[in-house]
């Protein structure tokens, strides 16, 4: 039996494709700089590992050598891993 129903108002929106990367970078939060590694990135977000815990809601400036800095906001953190949204557009 094949189900052909449709849930009204519950459409699933697809997230942008994620690209696995490995960038050594700095996360600048105010006057503090924290060494991080960025593990994946999409048109809207990123995932990283840091050497110090990051707080949800923190605005960061991600600085990768030879690339322009990008502003982001931490949306989740679990120990030294965190993910966030990009506040500036990036070319992938």
PDB file of N, CA and C in Angstrom:
ATOM      1  N   UNK A   1       0.841  -1.160   0.000  1.00  0.00           N
ATOM      2  CA  UNK A   1       0.000   0.000   0.000  1.00  0.00           C
ATOM      3  C   UNK A   1       0.897   1.236   0.000  1.00  0.00           C
ATOM      4  N   UNK A   2       0.572   2.178  -0.856  1.00  0.00           N
ATOM      5  CA  UNK A   2       1.363   3.390  -0.967  1.00  0.00           C
ATOM      6  C   UNK A   2       0.613   4.548  -0.322  1.00  0.00           C
ATOM      7  N   UNK A   3       1.312   5.312   0.528  1.00  0.00           N
ATOM      8  CA  UNK A   3       0.709   6.462   1.191  1.00  0.00           C
ATOM      9  C   UNK A   3       0.910   7.688   0.313  1.00  0.00           C
ATOM     10  N   UNK A   4      -0.176   8.376  -0.003  1.00  0.00           N
ATOM     11  CA  UNK A   4      -0.092   9.543  -0.869  1.00  0.00           C
ATOM     12  C   UNK A   4      -0.611  10.796  -0.171  1.00  0.00           C
ATOM     13  N   UNK A   5      -0.547  10.824   1.141  1.00  0.00           N
ATOM     14  CA  UNK A   5      -1.039  11.982   1.895  1.00  0.00           C
ATOM     15  C   UNK A   5      -0.082  13.162   1.834  1.00  0.00           C
ATOM     16  N   UNK A   6      -0.551  14.280   2.323  1.00  0.00           N
ATOM     17  CA  UNK A   6       0.240  15.504   2.358  1.00  0.00           C
ATOM     18  C   UNK A   6      -0.067  16.231   3.655  1.00  0.00           C
ATOM     19  N   UNK A   7       0.953  16.641   4.367  1.00  0.00           N
ATOM     20  CA  UNK A   7       0.767  17.395   5.594  1.00  0.00           C
ATOM     21  C   UNK A   7       0.729  18.874   5.258  1.00  0.00           C
ATOM     22  N   UNK A   8      -0.406  19.498   5.467  1.00  0.00           N
ATOM     23  CA  UNK A   8      -0.528  20.924   5.201  1.00  0.00           C
ATOM     24  C   UNK A   8       0.239  21.723   6.239  1.00  0.00           C
ATOM     25  N   UNK A   9       0.994  22.714   5.793  1.00  0.00           N
ATOM     26  CA  UNK A   9       1.715  23.588   6.699  1.00  0.00           C
ATOM     27  C   UNK A   9       2.934  22.961   7.345  1.00  0.00           C
ATOM     28  N   UNK A  10       3.333  21.782   6.925  1.00  0.00           N
ATOM     29  CA  UNK A  10       4.476  21.109   7.535  1.00  0.00           C
ATOM     30  C   UNK A  10       5.510  20.737   6.485  1.00  0.00           C
ATOM     31  N   UNK A  11       5.716  21.633   5.539  1.00  0.00           N
ATOM     32  CA  UNK A  11       6.700  21.369   4.503  1.00  0.00           C
ATOM     33  C   UNK A  11       8.096  21.369   5.120  1.00  0.00           C
ATOM     34  N   UNK A  12       8.933  20.532   4.610  1.00  0.00           N
ATOM     35  CA  UNK A  12      10.305  20.442   5.086  1.00  0.00           C
ATOM     36  C   UNK A  12      11.170  21.309   4.188  1.00  0.00           C
ATOM     37  N   UNK A  13      11.877  22.246   4.788  1.00  0.00           N
ATOM     38  CA  UNK A  13      12.783  23.074   4.005  1.00  0.00           C
ATOM     39  C   UNK A  13      14.172  22.461   4.081  1.00  0.00           C
ATOM     40  N   UNK A  14      14.786  22.337   2.943  1.00  0.00           N
ATOM     41  CA  UNK A  14      16.117  21.734   2.877  1.00  0.00           C
ATOM     42  C   UNK A  14      17.167  22.752   3.281  1.00  0.00           C
ATOM     43  N   UNK A  15      18.152  22.276   4.033  1.00  0.00           N
ATOM     44  CA  UNK A  15      19.281  23.123   4.384  1.00  0.00           C
ATOM     45  C   UNK A  15      20.235  23.184   3.210  1.00  0.00           C
ATOM     46  N   UNK A  16      20.998  24.286   3.121  1.00  0.00           N
ATOM     47  CA  UNK A  16      22.011  24.346   2.052  1.00  0.00           C
ATOM     48  C   UNK A  16      23.036  23.221   2.236  1.00  0.00           C
ATOM     49  N   UNK A  17      23.618  22.797   1.141  1.00  0.00           N
ATOM     50  CA  UNK A  17      24.646  21.751   1.189  1.00  0.00           C
ATOM     51  C   UNK A  17      25.814  22.193   2.041  1.00  0.00           C
ATOM     52  N   UNK A  18      26.340  21.246   2.810  1.00  0.00           N
ATOM     53  CA  UNK A  18      27.517  21.514   3.629  1.00  0.00           C
ATOM     54  C   UNK A  18      28.747  20.990   2.916  1.00  0.00           C
ATOM     55  N   UNK A  19      29.829  21.728   3.076  1.00  0.00           N
ATOM     56  CA  UNK A  19      31.098  21.336   2.469  1.00  0.00           C
ATOM     57  C   UNK A  19      32.069  21.038   3.600  1.00  0.00           C
ATOM     58  N   UNK A  20      32.634  19.831   3.593  1.00  0.00           N
ATOM     59  CA  UNK A  20      33.637  19.486   4.595  1.00  0.00           C
ATOM     60  C   UNK A  20      34.930  20.212   4.263  1.00  0.00           C
ATOM     61  N   UNK A  21      35.479  20.896   5.260  1.00  0.00           N
ATOM     62  CA  UNK A  21      36.721  21.653   5.095  1.00  0.00           C
ATOM     63  C   UNK A  21      37.584  21.422   6.323  1.00  0.00           C
ATOM     64  N   UNK A  22      38.803  21.891   6.290  1.00  0.00           N
ATOM     65  CA  UNK A  22      39.645  21.920   7.487  1.00  0.00           C
ATOM     66  C   UNK A  22      40.471  23.193   7.414  1.00  0.00           C
ATOM     67  N   UNK A  23      39.990  24.225   8.090  1.00  0.00           N
ATOM     68  CA  UNK A  23      40.681  25.508   8.133  1.00  0.00           C
ATOM     69  C   UNK A  23      41.144  25.780   9.555  1.00  0.00           C
ATOM     70  N   UNK A  24      42.427  26.073   9.721  1.00  0.00           N
ATOM     71  CA  UNK A  24      42.894  26.635  10.980  1.00  0.00           C
ATOM     72  C   UNK A  24      42.526  28.110  10.930  1.00  0.00           C
ATOM     73  N   UNK A  25      41.902  28.604  11.989  1.00  0.00           N
ATOM     74  CA  UNK A  25      41.408  29.975  11.976  1.00  0.00           C
ATOM     75  C   UNK A  25      41.451  30.564  13.379  1.00  0.00           C
ATOM     76  N   UNK A  26      41.100  31.837  13.463  1.00  0.00           N
ATOM     77  CA  UNK A  26      40.915  32.513  14.737  1.00  0.00           C
ATOM     78  C   UNK A  26      39.465  32.946  14.838  1.00  0.00           C
ATOM     79  N   UNK A  27      38.903  32.801  16.027  1.00  0.00           N
ATOM     80  CA  UNK A  27      37.579  33.338  16.312  1.00  0.00           C
ATOM     81  C   UNK A  27      37.795  34.518  17.244  1.00  0.00           C
ATOM     82  N   UNK A  28      37.480  35.710  16.761  1.00  0.00           N
ATOM     83  CA  UNK A  28      37.625  36.909  17.579  1.00  0.00           C
ATOM     84  C   UNK A  28      36.276  37.230  18.200  1.00  0.00           C
ATOM     85  N   UNK A  29      36.281  37.306  19.530  1.00  0.00           N
ATOM     86  CA  UNK A  29      35.079  37.663  20.285  1.00  0.00           C
ATOM     87  C   UNK A  29      35.464  38.865  21.132  1.00  0.00           C
ATOM     88  N   UNK A  30      35.050  40.044  20.697  1.00  0.00           N
ATOM     89  CA  UNK A  30      35.502  41.257  21.384  1.00  0.00           C
ATOM     90  C   UNK A  30      37.001  41.385  21.239  1.00  0.00           C
ATOM     91  N   UNK A  31      37.708  41.503  22.362  1.00  0.00           N
ATOM     92  CA  UNK A  31      39.172  41.616  22.351  1.00  0.00           C
ATOM     93  C   UNK A  31      39.870  40.267  22.492  1.00  0.00           C
ATOM     94  N   UNK A  32      39.081  39.188  22.583  1.00  0.00           N
ATOM     95  CA  UNK A  32      39.635  37.847  22.788  1.00  0.00           C
ATOM     96  C   UNK A  32      39.776  37.117  21.454  1.00  0.00           C
ATOM     97  N   UNK A  33      40.912  36.449  21.267  1.00  0.00           N
ATOM     98  CA  UNK A  33      41.134  35.614  20.085  1.00  0.00           C
ATOM     99  C   UNK A  33      41.293  34.171  20.536  1.00  0.00           C
ATOM    100  N   UNK A  34      40.537  33.266  19.902  1.00  0.00           N
ATOM    101  CA  UNK A  34      40.579  31.843  20.244  1.00  0.00           C
ATOM    102  C   UNK A  34      40.918  31.061  18.982  1.00  0.00           C
ATOM    103  N   UNK A  35      41.922  30.193  19.065  1.00  0.00           N
ATOM    104  CA  UNK A  35      42.273  29.338  17.927  1.00  0.00           C
ATOM    105  C   UNK A  35      41.154  28.315  17.715  1.00  0.00           C
ATOM    106  N   UNK A  36      40.735  28.151  16.464  1.00  0.00           N
ATOM    107  CA  UNK A  36      39.673  27.204  16.120  1.00  0.00           C
ATOM    108  C   UNK A  36      40.053  26.458  14.854  1.00  0.00           C
ATOM    109  N   UNK A  37      39.354  25.353  14.619  1.00  0.00           N
ATOM    110  CA  UNK A  37      39.401  24.655  13.341  1.00  0.00           C
ATOM    111  C   UNK A  37      37.972  24.580  12.824  1.00  0.00           C
ATOM    112  N   UNK A  38      37.761  25.049  11.606  1.00  0.00           N
ATOM    113  CA  UNK A  38      36.446  24.987  10.978  1.00  0.00           C
ATOM    114  C   UNK A  38      36.367  23.667  10.223  1.00  0.00           C
ATOM    115  N   UNK A  39      35.313  22.871  10.501  1.00  0.00           N
ATOM    116  CA  UNK A  39      35.176  21.538   9.912  1.00  0.00           C
ATOM    117  C   UNK A  39      34.202  21.459   8.757  1.00  0.00           C
ATOM    118  N   UNK A  40      33.156  22.250   8.797  1.00  0.00           N
ATOM    119  CA  UNK A  40      32.282  22.299   7.630  1.00  0.00           C
ATOM    120  C   UNK A  40      31.635  23.665   7.550  1.00  0.00           C
ATOM    121  N   UNK A  41      31.205  23.984   6.339  1.00  0.00           N
ATOM    122  CA  UNK A  41      30.636  25.293   6.086  1.00  0.00           C
ATOM    123  C   UNK A  41      29.561  25.149   5.023  1.00  0.00           C
ATOM    124  N   UNK A  42      28.559  25.996   5.100  1.00  0.00           N
ATOM    125  CA  UNK A  42      27.530  26.055   4.070  1.00  0.00           C
ATOM    126  C   UNK A  42      27.302  27.533   3.761  1.00  0.00           C
ATOM    127  N   UNK A  43      26.360  27.815   2.895  1.00  0.00           N
ATOM    128  CA  UNK A  43      26.074  29.204   2.553  1.00  0.00           C
ATOM    129  C   UNK A  43      25.546  29.965   3.763  1.00  0.00           C
ATOM    130  N   UNK A  44      25.031  29.259   4.757  1.00  0.00           N
ATOM    131  CA  UNK A  44      24.431  29.920   5.919  1.00  0.00           C
ATOM    132  C   UNK A  44      25.103  29.640   7.246  1.00  0.00           C
ATOM    133  N   UNK A  45      25.986  28.665   7.333  1.00  0.00           N
ATOM    134  CA  UNK A  45      26.507  28.323   8.656  1.00  0.00           C
ATOM    135  C   UNK A  45      27.842  27.614   8.641  1.00  0.00           C
ATOM    136  N   UNK A  46      28.265  27.216   9.846  1.00  0.00           N
ATOM    137  CA  UNK A  46      29.572  26.591  10.017  1.00  0.00           C
ATOM    138  C   UNK A  46      29.561  25.713  11.260  1.00  0.00           C
ATOM    139  N   UNK A  47      30.550  24.813  11.327  1.00  0.00           N
ATOM    140  CA  UNK A  47      30.803  23.987  12.515  1.00  0.00           C
ATOM    141  C   UNK A  47      32.289  24.049  12.791  1.00  0.00           C
ATOM    142  N   UNK A  48      32.635  24.213  14.065  1.00  0.00           N
ATOM    143  CA  UNK A  48      34.048  24.339  14.401  1.00  0.00           C
ATOM    144  C   UNK A  48      34.373  23.676  15.724  1.00  0.00           C
ATOM    145  N   UNK A  49      35.669  23.505  15.958  1.00  0.00           N
ATOM    146  CA  UNK A  49      36.199  23.030  17.236  1.00  0.00           C
ATOM    147  C   UNK A  49      37.142  24.114  17.724  1.00  0.00           C
ATOM    148  N   UNK A  50      37.023  24.466  19.015  1.00  0.00           N
ATOM    149  CA  UNK A  50      37.857  25.530  19.563  1.00  0.00           C
ATOM    150  C   UNK A  50      38.703  24.995  20.713  1.00  0.00           C
ATOM    151  N   UNK A  51      39.692  25.783  21.103  1.00  0.00           N
ATOM    152  CA  UNK A  51      40.550  25.405  22.219  1.00  0.00           C
ATOM    153  C   UNK A  51      40.023  25.955  23.539  1.00  0.00           C
ATOM    154  N   UNK A  52      38.897  26.646  23.495  1.00  0.00           N
ATOM    155  CA  UNK A  52      38.222  27.147  24.689  1.00  0.00           C
ATOM    156  C   UNK A  52      36.724  27.100  24.404  1.00  0.00           C
ATOM    157  N   UNK A  53      35.907  26.829  25.406  1.00  0.00           N
ATOM    158  CA  UNK A  53      34.460  26.771  25.176  1.00  0.00           C
ATOM    159  C   UNK A  53      33.914  28.105  24.659  1.00  0.00           C
ATOM    160  N   UNK A  54      32.973  28.032  23.742  1.00  0.00           N
ATOM    161  CA  UNK A  54      32.297  29.216  23.221  1.00  0.00           C
ATOM    162  C   UNK A  54      30.872  29.242  23.761  1.00  0.00           C
ATOM    163  N   UNK A  55      30.302  30.418  23.895  1.00  0.00           N
ATOM    164  CA  UNK A  55      28.959  30.550  24.430  1.00  0.00           C
ATOM    165  C   UNK A  55      27.954  30.782  23.318  1.00  0.00           C
ATOM    166  N   UNK A  56      26.786  30.165  23.460  1.00  0.00           N
ATOM    167  CA  UNK A  56      25.702  30.395  22.515  1.00  0.00           C
ATOM    168  C   UNK A  56      25.348  31.873  22.521  1.00  0.00           C
ATOM    169  N   UNK A  57      25.090  32.407  21.340  1.00  0.00           N
ATOM    170  CA  UNK A  57      24.733  33.806  21.206  1.00  0.00           C
ATOM    171  C   UNK A  57      25.913  34.742  21.005  1.00  0.00           C
ATOM    172  N   UNK A  58      27.131  34.235  21.179  1.00  0.00           N
ATOM    173  CA  UNK A  58      28.320  35.089  21.006  1.00  0.00           C
ATOM    174  C   UNK A  58      28.504  35.431  19.535  1.00  0.00           C
ATOM    175  N   UNK A  59      28.777  36.696  19.256  1.00  0.00           N
ATOM    176  CA  UNK A  59      29.100  37.100  17.894  1.00  0.00           C
ATOM    177  C   UNK A  59      30.600  36.952  17.704  1.00  0.00           C
ATOM    178  N   UNK A  60      31.001  36.283  16.629  1.00  0.00           N
ATOM    179  CA  UNK A  60      32.411  36.009  16.382  1.00  0.00           C
ATOM    180  C   UNK A  60      32.815  36.560  15.021  1.00  0.00           C
ATOM    181  N   UNK A  61      34.083  36.869  14.906  1.00  0.00           N
ATOM    182  CA  UNK A  61      34.674  37.214  13.628  1.00  0.00           C
ATOM    183  C   UNK A  61      35.620  36.080  13.288  1.00  0.00           C
ATOM    184  N   UNK A  62      35.306  35.315  12.244  1.00  0.00           N
ATOM    185  CA  UNK A  62      36.135  34.178  11.844  1.00  0.00           C
ATOM    186  C   UNK A  62      37.194  34.666  10.870  1.00  0.00           C
ATOM    187  N   UNK A  63      38.455  34.451  11.246  1.00  0.00           N
ATOM    188  CA  UNK A  63      39.579  34.922  10.434  1.00  0.00           C
ATOM    189  C   UNK A  63      40.368  33.702   9.962  1.00  0.00           C
ATOM    190  N   UNK A  64      40.327  33.470   8.656  1.00  0.00           N
ATOM    191  CA  UNK A  64      41.066  32.371   8.019  1.00  0.00           C
ATOM    192  C   UNK A  64      42.161  33.011   7.174  1.00  0.00           C
ATOM    193  N   UNK A  65      43.410  32.554   7.300  1.00  0.00           N
ATOM    194  CA  UNK A  65      44.478  33.143   6.494  1.00  0.00           C
ATOM    195  C   UNK A  65      44.139  33.159   4.998  1.00  0.00           C
ATOM    196  N   UNK A  66      44.450  34.269   4.345  1.00  0.00           N
ATOM    197  CA  UNK A  66      44.280  34.480   2.903  1.00  0.00           C
ATOM    198  C   UNK A  66      42.820  34.604   2.462  1.00  0.00           C
ATOM    199  N   UNK A  67      41.874  34.684   3.418  1.00  0.00           N
ATOM    200  CA  UNK A  67      40.469  34.901   3.086  1.00  0.00           C
ATOM    201  C   UNK A  67      39.958  36.096   3.875  1.00  0.00           C
ATOM    202  N   UNK A  68      38.948  36.796   3.371  1.00  0.00           N
ATOM    203  CA  UNK A  68      38.412  37.918   4.135  1.00  0.00           C
ATOM    204  C   UNK A  68      37.717  37.430   5.412  1.00  0.00           C
ATOM    205  N   UNK A  69      37.787  38.188   6.508  1.00  0.00           N
ATOM    206  CA  UNK A  69      37.096  37.800   7.746  1.00  0.00           C
ATOM    207  C   UNK A  69      35.576  37.749   7.532  1.00  0.00           C
ATOM    208  N   UNK A  70      34.919  36.874   8.274  1.00  0.00           N
ATOM    209  CA  UNK A  70      33.476  36.697   8.155  1.00  0.00           C
ATOM    210  C   UNK A  70      32.853  36.747   9.545  1.00  0.00           C
ATOM    211  N   UNK A  71      31.763  37.510   9.675  1.00  0.00           N
ATOM    212  CA  UNK A  71      31.053  37.579  10.951  1.00  0.00           C
ATOM    213  C   UNK A  71      30.090  36.402  11.074  1.00  0.00           C
ATOM    214  N   UNK A  72      29.980  35.888  12.294  1.00  0.00           N
ATOM    215  CA  UNK A  72      29.058  34.791  12.564  1.00  0.00           C
ATOM    216  C   UNK A  72      28.520  34.888  13.977  1.00  0.00           C
ATOM    217  N   UNK A  73      27.525  34.068  14.263  1.00  0.00           N
ATOM    218  CA  UNK A  73      26.959  33.992  15.610  1.00  0.00           C
ATOM    219  C   UNK A  73      26.868  32.537  16.024  1.00  0.00           C
ATOM    220  N   UNK A  74      27.368  32.224  17.213  1.00  0.00           N
ATOM    221  CA  UNK A  74      27.322  30.856  17.729  1.00  0.00           C
ATOM    222  C   UNK A  74      25.875  30.534  18.098  1.00  0.00           C
ATOM    223  N   UNK A  75      25.329  29.439  17.554  1.00  0.00           N
ATOM    224  CA  UNK A  75      23.956  29.035  17.831  1.00  0.00           C
ATOM    225  C   UNK A  75      23.880  27.844  18.772  1.00  0.00           C
ATOM    226  N   UNK A  76      24.919  27.000  18.776  1.00  0.00           N
ATOM    227  CA  UNK A  76      24.952  25.865  19.706  1.00  0.00           C
ATOM    228  C   UNK A  76      26.402  25.609  20.087  1.00  0.00           C
ATOM    229  N   UNK A  77      26.580  25.097  21.276  1.00  0.00           N
ATOM    230  CA  UNK A  77      27.918  24.748  21.740  1.00  0.00           C
ATOM    231  C   UNK A  77      27.825  23.513  22.615  1.00  0.00           C
ATOM    232  N   UNK A  78      28.788  22.617  22.449  1.00  0.00           N
ATOM    233  CA  UNK A  78      28.858  21.396  23.237  1.00  0.00           C
ATOM    234  C   UNK A  78      30.330  21.175  23.569  1.00  0.00           C
ATOM    235  N   UNK A  79      30.732  21.653  24.740  1.00  0.00           N
ATOM    236  CA  UNK A  79      32.147  21.588  25.094  1.00  0.00           C
ATOM    237  C   UNK A  79      32.930  22.504  24.181  1.00  0.00           C
ATOM    238  N   UNK A  80      33.901  21.937  23.486  1.00  0.00           N
ATOM    239  CA  UNK A  80      34.726  22.750  22.587  1.00  0.00           C
ATOM    240  C   UNK A  80      34.290  22.654  21.134  1.00  0.00           C
ATOM    241  N   UNK A  81      33.131  22.055  20.868  1.00  0.00           N
ATOM    242  CA  UNK A  81      32.569  22.065  19.517  1.00  0.00           C
ATOM    243  C   UNK A  81      31.403  23.022  19.492  1.00  0.00           C
ATOM    244  N   UNK A  82      31.247  23.715  18.373  1.00  0.00           N
ATOM    245  CA  UNK A  82      30.173  24.693  18.261  1.00  0.00           C
ATOM    246  C   UNK A  82      29.764  24.840  16.803  1.00  0.00           C
ATOM    247  N   UNK A  83      28.594  25.394  16.611  1.00  0.00           N
ATOM    248  CA  UNK A  83      28.099  25.674  15.272  1.00  0.00           C
ATOM    249  C   UNK A  83      27.389  27.003  15.295  1.00  0.00           C
ATOM    250  N   UNK A  84      27.293  27.597  14.137  1.00  0.00           N
ATOM    251  CA  UNK A  84      26.648  28.898  14.100  1.00  0.00           C
ATOM    252  C   UNK A  84      26.189  29.279  12.722  1.00  0.00           C
ATOM    253  N   UNK A  85      25.629  30.472  12.646  1.00  0.00           N
ATOM    254  CA  UNK A  85      25.164  31.018  11.381  1.00  0.00           C
ATOM    255  C   UNK A  85      26.131  32.106  10.935  1.00  0.00           C
ATOM    256  N   UNK A  86      26.231  32.266   9.639  1.00  0.00           N
ATOM    257  CA  UNK A  86      27.061  33.323   9.071  1.00  0.00           C
ATOM    258  C   UNK A  86      26.226  34.586   8.948  1.00  0.00           C
ATOM    259  N   UNK A  87      26.769  35.697   9.402  1.00  0.00           N
ATOM    260  CA  UNK A  87      26.070  36.967   9.312  1.00  0.00           C
ATOM    261  C   UNK A  87      26.474  37.737   8.056  1.00  0.00           C
ATOM    262  N   UNK A  88      27.544  37.308   7.411  1.00  0.00           N
ATOM    263  CA  UNK A  88      27.999  37.876   6.141  1.00  0.00           C
ATOM    264  C   UNK A  88      27.925  36.793   5.076  1.00  0.00           C
ATOM    265  N   UNK A  89      27.595  37.142   3.840  1.00  0.00           N
ATOM    266  CA  UNK A  89      27.573  36.121   2.778  1.00  0.00           C
ATOM    267  C   UNK A  89      28.988  35.657   2.435  1.00  0.00           C
ATOM    268  N   UNK A  90      29.110  34.398   2.060  1.00  0.00           N
ATOM    269  CA  UNK A  90      30.397  33.845   1.637  1.00  0.00           C
ATOM    270  C   UNK A  90      30.229  33.164   0.290  1.00  0.00           C
ATOM    271  N   UNK A  91      31.284  33.175  -0.498  1.00  0.00           N
ATOM    272  CA  UNK A  91      31.292  32.454  -1.771  1.00  0.00           C
ATOM    273  C   UNK A  91      31.873  31.086  -1.520  1.00  0.00           C
ATOM    274  N   UNK A  92      31.143  30.052  -1.911  1.00  0.00           N
ATOM    275  CA  UNK A  92      31.613  28.688  -1.695  1.00  0.00           C
ATOM    276  C   UNK A  92      32.246  28.119  -2.953  1.00  0.00           C
TER     277      UNK A  92
END
